[in-house]
Protein backbone atom coordinates (compact mmCIF):
# COMPACT_ATOMS: atom_id res chain seq x y z
CA MET A 1 -88.38 21.09 265.32
CA LEU A 2 -86.82 21.39 268.79
CA GLU A 3 -88.65 18.27 269.97
CA CYS A 4 -87.37 16.21 267.07
CA GLU A 5 -84.46 14.00 268.11
CA ASP A 6 -83.56 13.03 264.56
CA VAL A 7 -81.09 15.54 263.07
CA ASP A 8 -82.17 14.85 259.50
CA GLY A 9 -85.83 15.28 260.40
CA ALA A 10 -85.12 18.55 262.21
CA PHE A 11 -83.21 19.82 259.19
CA VAL A 12 -86.07 18.96 256.82
CA GLN A 13 -88.52 20.77 259.11
CA PHE A 14 -86.21 23.79 259.29
CA VAL A 15 -85.92 23.98 255.50
CA GLU A 16 -89.71 23.75 255.12
CA ILE A 17 -90.26 26.53 257.69
CA LEU A 18 -87.67 28.68 255.94
CA LYS A 19 -89.23 28.10 252.49
CA ASN A 20 -92.68 28.99 253.83
CA ALA A 21 -91.35 32.18 255.40
CA VAL A 22 -89.60 33.20 252.18
CA ASN A 23 -92.74 32.54 250.13
CA GLN A 24 -94.94 34.40 252.61
CA PHE A 25 -92.84 37.53 253.06
CA THR A 26 -91.28 38.04 249.64
CA LYS A 27 -92.66 38.50 246.18
CA GLU A 28 -91.32 37.34 242.86
CA VAL A 29 -90.21 40.14 240.58
CA PRO A 30 -89.46 39.39 236.94
CA VAL A 31 -86.00 40.45 235.83
CA ARG A 32 -85.61 41.54 232.25
CA ALA A 33 -82.59 40.54 230.28
CA ARG A 34 -80.43 43.50 229.44
CA ASN A 35 -80.23 44.46 225.81
CA LYS A 36 -76.55 44.26 224.97
CA ASN A 37 -77.04 45.78 221.54
CA HIS A 38 -77.47 49.35 222.64
CA LYS A 39 -76.48 50.69 219.24
CA GLU A 40 -78.77 50.13 216.28
CA TRP A 41 -75.87 49.28 213.99
CA VAL A 42 -74.55 46.39 216.11
CA THR A 43 -75.62 43.19 214.36
CA GLU A 44 -75.84 39.79 216.02
CA GLU A 45 -72.70 38.62 214.20
CA LEU A 46 -70.81 41.76 215.20
CA GLY A 47 -71.89 41.28 218.82
CA ARG A 48 -70.51 37.72 218.79
CA LEU A 49 -67.22 38.94 217.34
CA ILE A 50 -66.95 41.61 220.03
CA GLN A 51 -67.59 38.97 222.71
CA SER A 52 -64.91 36.74 221.18
CA LYS A 53 -62.47 39.65 221.16
CA ASN A 54 -63.22 40.39 224.81
CA GLU A 55 -62.78 36.72 225.76
CA MET A 56 -59.46 36.61 223.92
CA TYR A 57 -58.38 39.75 225.81
CA ARG A 58 -59.25 38.11 229.15
CA ARG A 59 -57.17 35.05 228.21
CA LEU A 60 -54.29 37.32 227.19
CA LYS A 61 -54.40 39.15 230.54
CA LYS A 62 -54.06 35.81 232.36
CA ASP A 63 -51.01 34.87 230.27
CA LEU A 64 -49.16 38.11 229.49
CA HIS A 65 -46.01 36.41 228.23
CA ASN A 66 -47.73 34.42 225.48
CA GLY A 67 -46.47 36.11 222.31
CA THR A 68 -48.56 33.94 220.00
CA LEU A 69 -51.78 34.81 221.80
CA GLU A 70 -50.77 38.47 221.84
CA ASN A 71 -50.28 38.48 218.06
CA GLU A 72 -53.55 36.62 217.48
CA TYR A 73 -55.40 39.06 219.72
CA ALA A 74 -53.89 42.11 218.00
CA HIS A 75 -54.83 40.77 214.56
CA PHE A 76 -58.36 39.79 215.64
CA ARG A 77 -58.88 43.10 217.49
CA ASN A 78 -57.88 45.08 214.40
CA ARG A 79 -60.27 43.06 212.23
CA VAL A 80 -63.14 43.61 214.67
CA VAL A 81 -62.43 47.35 215.01
CA ASN A 82 -62.36 47.73 211.22
CA LEU A 83 -65.59 45.76 210.90
CA ILE A 84 -67.23 47.93 213.58
CA GLU A 85 -66.19 51.08 211.74
CA THR A 86 -67.38 49.76 208.38
CA THR A 87 -70.70 48.52 209.76
CA LYS A 88 -71.33 51.77 211.58
CA ASN A 89 -70.52 53.90 208.54
CA ASN A 90 -72.70 51.77 206.25
CA TYR A 91 -75.60 51.90 208.70
CA TYR A 92 -75.53 55.68 209.09
CA ARG A 93 -74.98 56.22 205.36
CA SER A 94 -78.01 54.11 204.47
CA ARG A 95 -80.16 55.77 207.15
CA PHE A 96 -79.08 59.21 205.89
CA GLU A 97 -80.04 58.27 202.33
CA GLU A 98 -83.44 57.01 203.55
CA GLN A 99 -84.14 60.19 205.50
CA ASN A 100 -82.71 62.55 202.88
CA LYS A 101 -85.95 62.46 200.85
CA SER A 102 -87.80 64.60 203.38
CA PRO A 103 -86.12 67.53 205.18
CA GLU A 104 -88.45 67.14 208.16
CA ALA A 105 -87.64 63.44 208.53
CA LEU A 106 -83.94 64.17 208.07
CA TRP A 107 -83.88 66.76 210.86
CA ARG A 108 -85.93 64.51 213.17
CA TRP A 109 -83.50 61.65 212.57
CA LEU A 110 -80.46 63.90 213.08
CA GLY A 111 -81.96 65.03 216.39
CA GLU A 112 -82.39 61.41 217.47
CA VAL A 113 -78.87 60.46 216.45
CA THR A 114 -77.26 63.41 218.21
CA ASN A 115 -79.61 63.24 221.22
CA SER A 116 -80.58 66.87 220.66
CA LYS A 117 -83.60 68.32 222.39
CA LYS A 118 -85.60 71.36 221.32
């Protein structure tokens, strides 16, 4: 590389040496995608609505004096919050009814929901 008088040739050699060093001294580690639906009751549609609400909030923060956007955001936020509450209540109500047939299953499920440990 130092003997090469052509700048482009020296650069190509440098990049090759660097790539070889990276490949030799590092290892590839797979990275898992994070699960954004941490709660069981968050559906795919609800997740998209939450993302839309958050994006609208970011746009509102960039343009604080936009009254129209502020009203749209407030209306959309209220709809999403109500949908979250309804979805969550329906999910837990249906799970409770499923588990209510067996006291043992009910208590096991309640322990999971409340993160209780014996």
